[in-house]
C-alpha atoms as a PDB file:
ATOM      1  CA  UNK A   1     -39.041  52.904 -79.458  1.00  0.00           C
ATOM      2  CA  UNK A   2     -39.791  50.722 -82.385  1.00  0.00           C
ATOM      3  CA  UNK A   3     -37.950  49.238 -85.336  1.00  0.00           C
ATOM      4  CA  UNK A   4     -34.290  50.022 -86.038  1.00  0.00           C
ATOM      5  CA  UNK A   5     -34.009  52.676 -83.361  1.00  0.00           C
ATOM      6  CA  UNK A   6     -34.946  50.237 -80.607  1.00  0.00           C
ATOM      7  CA  UNK A   7     -32.452  47.641 -81.859  1.00  0.00           C
ATOM      8  CA  UNK A   8     -29.596  50.183 -81.926  1.00  0.00           C
ATOM      9  CA  UNK A   9     -30.325  51.674 -78.515  1.00  0.00           C
ATOM     10  CA  UNK A  10     -27.936  50.646 -75.793  1.00  0.00           C
ATOM     11  CA  UNK A  11     -28.034  52.048 -72.274  1.00  0.00           C
ATOM     12  CA  UNK A  12     -25.025  54.200 -71.357  1.00  0.00           C
ATOM     13  CA  UNK A  13     -24.874  52.635 -67.915  1.00  0.00           C
ATOM     14  CA  UNK A  14     -25.805  48.962 -67.291  1.00  0.00           C
ATOM     15  CA  UNK A  15     -28.167  49.763 -64.414  1.00  0.00           C
ATOM     16  CA  UNK A  16     -29.997  52.322 -66.552  1.00  0.00           C
ATOM     17  CA  UNK A  17     -31.900  49.624 -68.387  1.00  0.00           C
ATOM     18  CA  UNK A  18     -34.067  48.691 -65.386  1.00  0.00           C
ATOM     19  CA  UNK A  19     -33.923  51.976 -63.481  1.00  0.00           C
ATOM     20  CA  UNK A  20     -37.230  53.379 -62.300  1.00  0.00           C
ATOM     21  CA  UNK A  21     -37.587  57.180 -61.916  1.00  0.00           C
ATOM     22  CA  UNK A  22     -36.178  57.301 -58.369  1.00  0.00           C
ATOM     23  CA  UNK A  23     -32.940  55.616 -59.422  1.00  0.00           C
ATOM     24  CA  UNK A  24     -32.244  58.017 -62.304  1.00  0.00           C
ATOM     25  CA  UNK A  25     -30.601  60.593 -60.066  1.00  0.00           C
ATOM     26  CA  UNK A  26     -28.465  57.984 -58.312  1.00  0.00           C
ATOM     27  CA  UNK A  27     -27.291  56.642 -61.675  1.00  0.00           C
ATOM     28  CA  UNK A  28     -26.460  60.144 -62.932  1.00  0.00           C
ATOM     29  CA  UNK A  29     -24.412  60.860 -59.809  1.00  0.00           C
ATOM     30  CA  UNK A  30     -22.543  57.559 -60.181  1.00  0.00           C
ATOM     31  CA  UNK A  31     -21.865  58.262 -63.865  1.00  0.00           C
ATOM     32  CA  UNK A  32     -20.604  61.800 -63.115  1.00  0.00           C
ATOM     33  CA  UNK A  33     -18.381  60.516 -60.298  1.00  0.00           C
ATOM     34  CA  UNK A  34     -16.936  57.831 -62.557  1.00  0.00           C
ATOM     35  CA  UNK A  35     -16.279  60.388 -65.305  1.00  0.00           C
ATOM     36  CA  UNK A  36     -14.631  62.799 -62.857  1.00  0.00           C
ATOM     37  CA  UNK A  37     -12.370  60.032 -61.475  1.00  0.00           C
ATOM     38  CA  UNK A  38     -11.401  58.854 -64.965  1.00  0.00           C
ATOM     39  CA  UNK A  39     -10.507  62.328 -66.286  1.00  0.00           C
ATOM     40  CA  UNK A  40      -7.345  63.750 -64.622  1.00  0.00           C
ATOM     41  CA  UNK A  41      -8.252  67.343 -65.526  1.00  0.00           C
ATOM     42  CA  UNK A  42     -11.514  67.020 -63.633  1.00  0.00           C
ATOM     43  CA  UNK A  43      -9.784  65.463 -60.617  1.00  0.00           C
ATOM     44  CA  UNK A  44      -7.456  68.387 -59.910  1.00  0.00           C
ATOM     45  CA  UNK A  45      -8.416  70.546 -56.907  1.00  0.00           C
ATOM     46  CA  UNK A  46      -8.284  73.702 -59.044  1.00  0.00           C
ATOM     47  CA  UNK A  47     -11.110  72.421 -61.256  1.00  0.00           C
ATOM     48  CA  UNK A  48     -13.216  70.979 -58.450  1.00  0.00           C
ATOM     49  CA  UNK A  49     -16.156  73.332 -57.874  1.00  0.00           C
ATOM     50  CA  UNK A  50     -16.856  71.806 -54.459  1.00  0.00           C
ATOM     51  CA  UNK A  51     -20.343  70.955 -53.261  1.00  0.00           C
ATOM     52  CA  UNK A  52     -23.072  72.214 -55.548  1.00  0.00           C
ATOM     53  CA  UNK A  53     -25.941  73.929 -53.786  1.00  0.00           C
ATOM     54  CA  UNK A  54     -29.291  74.794 -55.312  1.00  0.00           C
ATOM     55  CA  UNK A  55     -30.121  74.563 -58.968  1.00  0.00           C
ATOM     56  CA  UNK A  56     -27.355  74.229 -61.490  1.00  0.00           C
ATOM     57  CA  UNK A  57     -26.571  77.496 -63.249  1.00  0.00           C
ATOM     58  CA  UNK A  58     -28.036  79.649 -60.478  1.00  0.00           C
ATOM     59  CA  UNK A  59     -26.091  82.208 -58.518  1.00  0.00           C
ATOM     60  CA  UNK A  60     -26.342  81.835 -54.773  1.00  0.00           C
ATOM     61  CA  UNK A  61     -27.938  84.347 -52.424  1.00  0.00           C
ATOM     62  CA  UNK A  62     -24.530  85.756 -51.496  1.00  0.00           C
ATOM     63  CA  UNK A  63     -24.057  86.833 -55.127  1.00  0.00           C
ATOM     64  CA  UNK A  64     -27.488  88.441 -55.408  1.00  0.00           C
ATOM     65  CA  UNK A  65     -27.597  90.192 -52.038  1.00  0.00           C
ATOM     66  CA  UNK A  66     -25.499  93.299 -52.990  1.00  0.00           C
ATOM     67  CA  UNK A  67     -27.748  94.014 -55.977  1.00  0.00           C
ATOM     68  CA  UNK A  68     -30.854  93.530 -53.857  1.00  0.00           C
ATOM     69  CA  UNK A  69     -29.485  95.876 -51.187  1.00  0.00           C
ATOM     70  CA  UNK A  70     -28.691  98.437 -53.909  1.00  0.00           C
ATOM     71  CA  UNK A  71     -32.276  98.056 -55.174  1.00  0.00           C
ATOM     72  CA  UNK A  72     -33.671  98.578 -51.657  1.00  0.00           C
ATOM     73  CA  UNK A  73     -31.495 101.661 -51.057  1.00  0.00           C
ATOM     74  CA  UNK A  74     -32.523 103.163 -54.409  1.00  0.00           C
ATOM     75  CA  UNK A  75     -36.225 102.570 -53.762  1.00  0.00           C
ATOM     76  CA  UNK A  76     -35.880 104.005 -50.232  1.00  0.00           C
ATOM     77  CA  UNK A  77     -34.318 107.163 -51.708  1.00  0.00           C
ATOM     78  CA  UNK A  78     -37.086 107.244 -54.323  1.00  0.00           C
ATOM     79  CA  UNK A  79     -39.674 106.932 -51.549  1.00  0.00           C
ATOM     80  CA  UNK A  80     -38.103 109.939 -49.843  1.00  0.00           C
ATOM     81  CA  UNK A  81     -38.347 111.955 -53.058  1.00  0.00           C
ATOM     82  CA  UNK A  82     -41.934 110.789 -53.592  1.00  0.00           C
ATOM     83  CA  UNK A  83     -42.964 111.845 -50.086  1.00  0.00           C
ATOM     84  CA  UNK A  84     -41.209 115.177 -50.626  1.00  0.00           C
ATOM     85  CA  UNK A  85     -43.076 115.723 -53.927  1.00  0.00           C
ATOM     86  CA  UNK A  86     -46.347 114.739 -52.240  1.00  0.00           C
ATOM     87  CA  UNK A  87     -45.978 117.120 -49.305  1.00  0.00           C
ATOM     88  CA  UNK A  88     -43.843 120.045 -50.535  1.00  0.00           C
ATOM     89  CA  UNK A  89     -45.815 123.119 -51.582  1.00  0.00           C
ATOM     90  CA  UNK A  90     -43.264 124.182 -54.195  1.00  0.00           C
ATOM     91  CA  UNK A  91     -43.300 120.956 -56.211  1.00  0.00           C
ATOM     92  CA  UNK A  92     -46.559 121.734 -58.001  1.00  0.00           C
ATOM     93  CA  UNK A  93     -47.872 118.174 -57.623  1.00  0.00           C
ATOM     94  CA  UNK A  94     -48.462 118.142 -53.868  1.00  0.00           C
ATOM     95  CA  UNK A  95     -51.565 116.245 -52.866  1.00  0.00           C
ATOM     96  CA  UNK A  96     -52.506 115.196 -56.410  1.00  0.00           C
ATOM     97  CA  UNK A  97     -53.712 111.725 -57.294  1.00  0.00           C
ATOM     98  CA  UNK A  98     -50.601 111.127 -59.413  1.00  0.00           C
ATOM     99  CA  UNK A  99     -48.289 112.005 -56.534  1.00  0.00           C
ATOM    100  CA  UNK A 100     -50.211 109.651 -54.239  1.00  0.00           C
ATOM    101  CA  UNK A 101     -50.074 106.879 -56.856  1.00  0.00           C
ATOM    102  CA  UNK A 102     -46.305 107.246 -57.277  1.00  0.00           C
ATOM    103  CA  UNK A 103     -45.759 107.325 -53.511  1.00  0.00           C
ATOM    104  CA  UNK A 104     -47.830 104.188 -52.967  1.00  0.00           C
ATOM    105  CA  UNK A 105     -46.145 102.480 -55.948  1.00  0.00           C
ATOM    106  CA  UNK A 106     -42.651 103.235 -54.650  1.00  0.00           C
ATOM    107  CA  UNK A 107     -43.647 102.074 -51.158  1.00  0.00           C
ATOM    108  CA  UNK A 108     -44.903  98.788 -52.620  1.00  0.00           C
ATOM    109  CA  UNK A 109     -41.678  98.372 -54.624  1.00  0.00           C
ATOM    110  CA  UNK A 110     -39.687  98.903 -51.421  1.00  0.00           C
ATOM    111  CA  UNK A 111     -41.878  96.389 -49.589  1.00  0.00           C
ATOM    112  CA  UNK A 112     -41.384  93.849 -52.393  1.00  0.00           C
ATOM    113  CA  UNK A 113     -37.612  94.267 -52.172  1.00  0.00           C
ATOM    114  CA  UNK A 114     -37.671  93.854 -48.398  1.00  0.00           C
ATOM    115  CA  UNK A 115     -39.802  90.720 -48.731  1.00  0.00           C
ATOM    116  CA  UNK A 116     -37.386  89.296 -51.315  1.00  0.00           C
ATOM    117  CA  UNK A 117     -34.479  89.721 -48.907  1.00  0.00           C
ATOM    118  CA  UNK A 118     -36.262  88.597 -45.726  1.00  0.00           C
ATOM    119  CA  UNK A 119     -38.545  85.741 -46.801  1.00  0.00           C
ATOM    120  CA  UNK A 120     -37.581  82.508 -48.562  1.00  0.00           C
ATOM    121  CA  UNK A 121     -40.217  82.068 -51.247  1.00  0.00           C
ATOM    122  CA  UNK A 122     -41.177  79.171 -53.481  1.00  0.00           C
ATOM    123  CA  UNK A 123     -39.879  79.495 -57.035  1.00  0.00           C
ATOM    124  CA  UNK A 124     -43.277  80.377 -58.535  1.00  0.00           C
ATOM    125  CA  UNK A 125     -43.822  83.162 -56.000  1.00  0.00           C
ATOM    126  CA  UNK A 126     -40.322  84.518 -56.582  1.00  0.00           C
ATOM    127  CA  UNK A 127     -40.950  84.662 -60.329  1.00  0.00           C
ATOM    128  CA  UNK A 128     -44.297  86.362 -59.698  1.00  0.00           C
ATOM    129  CA  UNK A 129     -42.542  88.952 -57.511  1.00  0.00           C
ATOM    130  CA  UNK A 130     -39.904  89.533 -60.211  1.00  0.00           C
ATOM    131  CA  UNK A 131     -42.556  90.175 -62.853  1.00  0.00           C
ATOM    132  CA  UNK A 132     -44.491  92.488 -60.546  1.00  0.00           C
ATOM    133  CA  UNK A 133     -41.328  94.387 -59.596  1.00  0.00           C
ATOM    134  CA  UNK A 134     -40.361  94.925 -63.246  1.00  0.00           C
ATOM    135  CA  UNK A 135     -43.885  96.057 -64.181  1.00  0.00           C
ATOM    136  CA  UNK A 136     -44.117  98.266 -61.093  1.00  0.00           C
ATOM    137  CA  UNK A 137     -40.763  99.876 -61.844  1.00  0.00           C
ATOM    138  CA  UNK A 138     -41.738 100.584 -65.448  1.00  0.00           C
ATOM    139  CA  UNK A 139     -45.068 102.137 -64.486  1.00  0.00           C
ATOM    140  CA  UNK A 140     -43.687 104.139 -61.585  1.00  0.00           C
ATOM    141  CA  UNK A 141     -40.768 105.489 -63.646  1.00  0.00           C
ATOM    142  CA  UNK A 142     -43.219 106.616 -66.326  1.00  0.00           C
ATOM    143  CA  UNK A 143     -45.538 108.206 -63.734  1.00  0.00           C
ATOM    144  CA  UNK A 144     -42.655 110.041 -62.035  1.00  0.00           C
ATOM    145  CA  UNK A 145     -41.544 111.351 -65.415  1.00  0.00           C
ATOM    146  CA  UNK A 146     -45.089 112.618 -66.074  1.00  0.00           C
ATOM    147  CA  UNK A 147     -45.033 114.352 -62.670  1.00  0.00           C
ATOM    148  CA  UNK A 148     -41.829 116.123 -63.791  1.00  0.00           C
ATOM    149  CA  UNK A 149     -39.873 114.997 -60.746  1.00  0.00           C
ATOM    150  CA  UNK A 150     -36.364 114.396 -62.150  1.00  0.00           C
ATOM    151  CA  UNK A 151     -34.698 113.206 -58.912  1.00  0.00           C
ATOM    152  CA  UNK A 152     -37.479 110.737 -58.272  1.00  0.00           C
ATOM    153  CA  UNK A 153     -37.105 109.430 -61.819  1.00  0.00           C
ATOM    154  CA  UNK A 154     -33.317 109.135 -61.434  1.00  0.00           C
ATOM    155  CA  UNK A 155     -33.700 107.203 -58.158  1.00  0.00           C
ATOM    156  CA  UNK A 156     -36.214 104.833 -59.771  1.00  0.00           C
ATOM    157  CA  UNK A 157     -33.961 104.320 -62.805  1.00  0.00           C
ATOM    158  CA  UNK A 158     -31.132 103.450 -60.380  1.00  0.00           C
ATOM    159  CA  UNK A 159     -33.456 100.905 -58.748  1.00  0.00           C
ATOM    160  CA  UNK A 160     -34.286  99.496 -62.189  1.00  0.00           C
ATOM    161  CA  UNK A 161     -30.583  99.181 -63.043  1.00  0.00           C
ATOM    162  CA  UNK A 162     -29.917  97.406 -59.732  1.00  0.00           C
ATOM    163  CA  UNK A 163     -32.815  95.048 -60.425  1.00  0.00           C
ATOM    164  CA  UNK A 164     -31.559  94.384 -63.961  1.00  0.00           C
ATOM    165  CA  UNK A 165     -28.073  93.634 -62.610  1.00  0.00           C
ATOM    166  CA  UNK A 166     -29.564  91.281 -60.034  1.00  0.00           C
ATOM    167  CA  UNK A 167     -31.639  89.471 -62.637  1.00  0.00           C
ATOM    168  CA  UNK A 168     -28.713  89.165 -65.049  1.00  0.00           C
ATOM    169  CA  UNK A 169     -26.449  87.775 -62.293  1.00  0.00           C
ATOM    170  CA  UNK A 170     -28.808  84.850 -61.726  1.00  0.00           C
ATOM    171  CA  UNK A 171     -27.267  82.591 -64.366  1.00  0.00           C
ATOM    172  CA  UNK A 172     -23.702  81.571 -64.980  1.00  0.00           C
ATOM    173  CA  UNK A 173     -22.553  81.385 -68.591  1.00  0.00           C
ATOM    174  CA  UNK A 174     -22.727  77.893 -70.063  1.00  0.00           C
ATOM    175  CA  UNK A 175     -18.970  77.749 -70.599  1.00  0.00           C
ATOM    176  CA  UNK A 176     -18.356  78.244 -66.848  1.00  0.00           C
ATOM    177  CA  UNK A 177     -19.139  74.566 -66.211  1.00  0.00           C
ATOM    178  CA  UNK A 178     -16.925  73.177 -68.976  1.00  0.00           C
ATOM    179  CA  UNK A 179     -13.519  71.770 -68.032  1.00  0.00           C
ATOM    180  CA  UNK A 180     -10.607  73.832 -69.259  1.00  0.00           C
END
């Protein structure tokens, strides 16, 4: 900072002036603790959120698990319909390349859901899985519609709704952290 801006700048906390990068977090925790102790509304047990786990603004795994289980159940039902369309002689699409593609696509979507629930992944891999799941759902829903398999399409749309609910439950609204 140069000129007037540097002359007017004052650190909010006295130790902040000399704090290297490692001390920033410690200073922020001390400042938040001091603010919480000074403000009676923040001190009350009703407003105390308890220990914060994970990233701020993220729902925990216990919040996301029901939507993920709903997604897995819907894709398992869709896999059943896809196998039925692939093997049933009355469906009109038995043994075709499109039926095989939809069956493999639904199986991969089910595998991705099972991996999401069973394996703790790094953030970048989780985001990659989310993008692949959304793209896979869109393509497989379109392919099942082209195969004229309405129950398969309905099951995949249910899986897409469960995935959308899971993705939308990931963040708390901004006002949820504000004191009342």
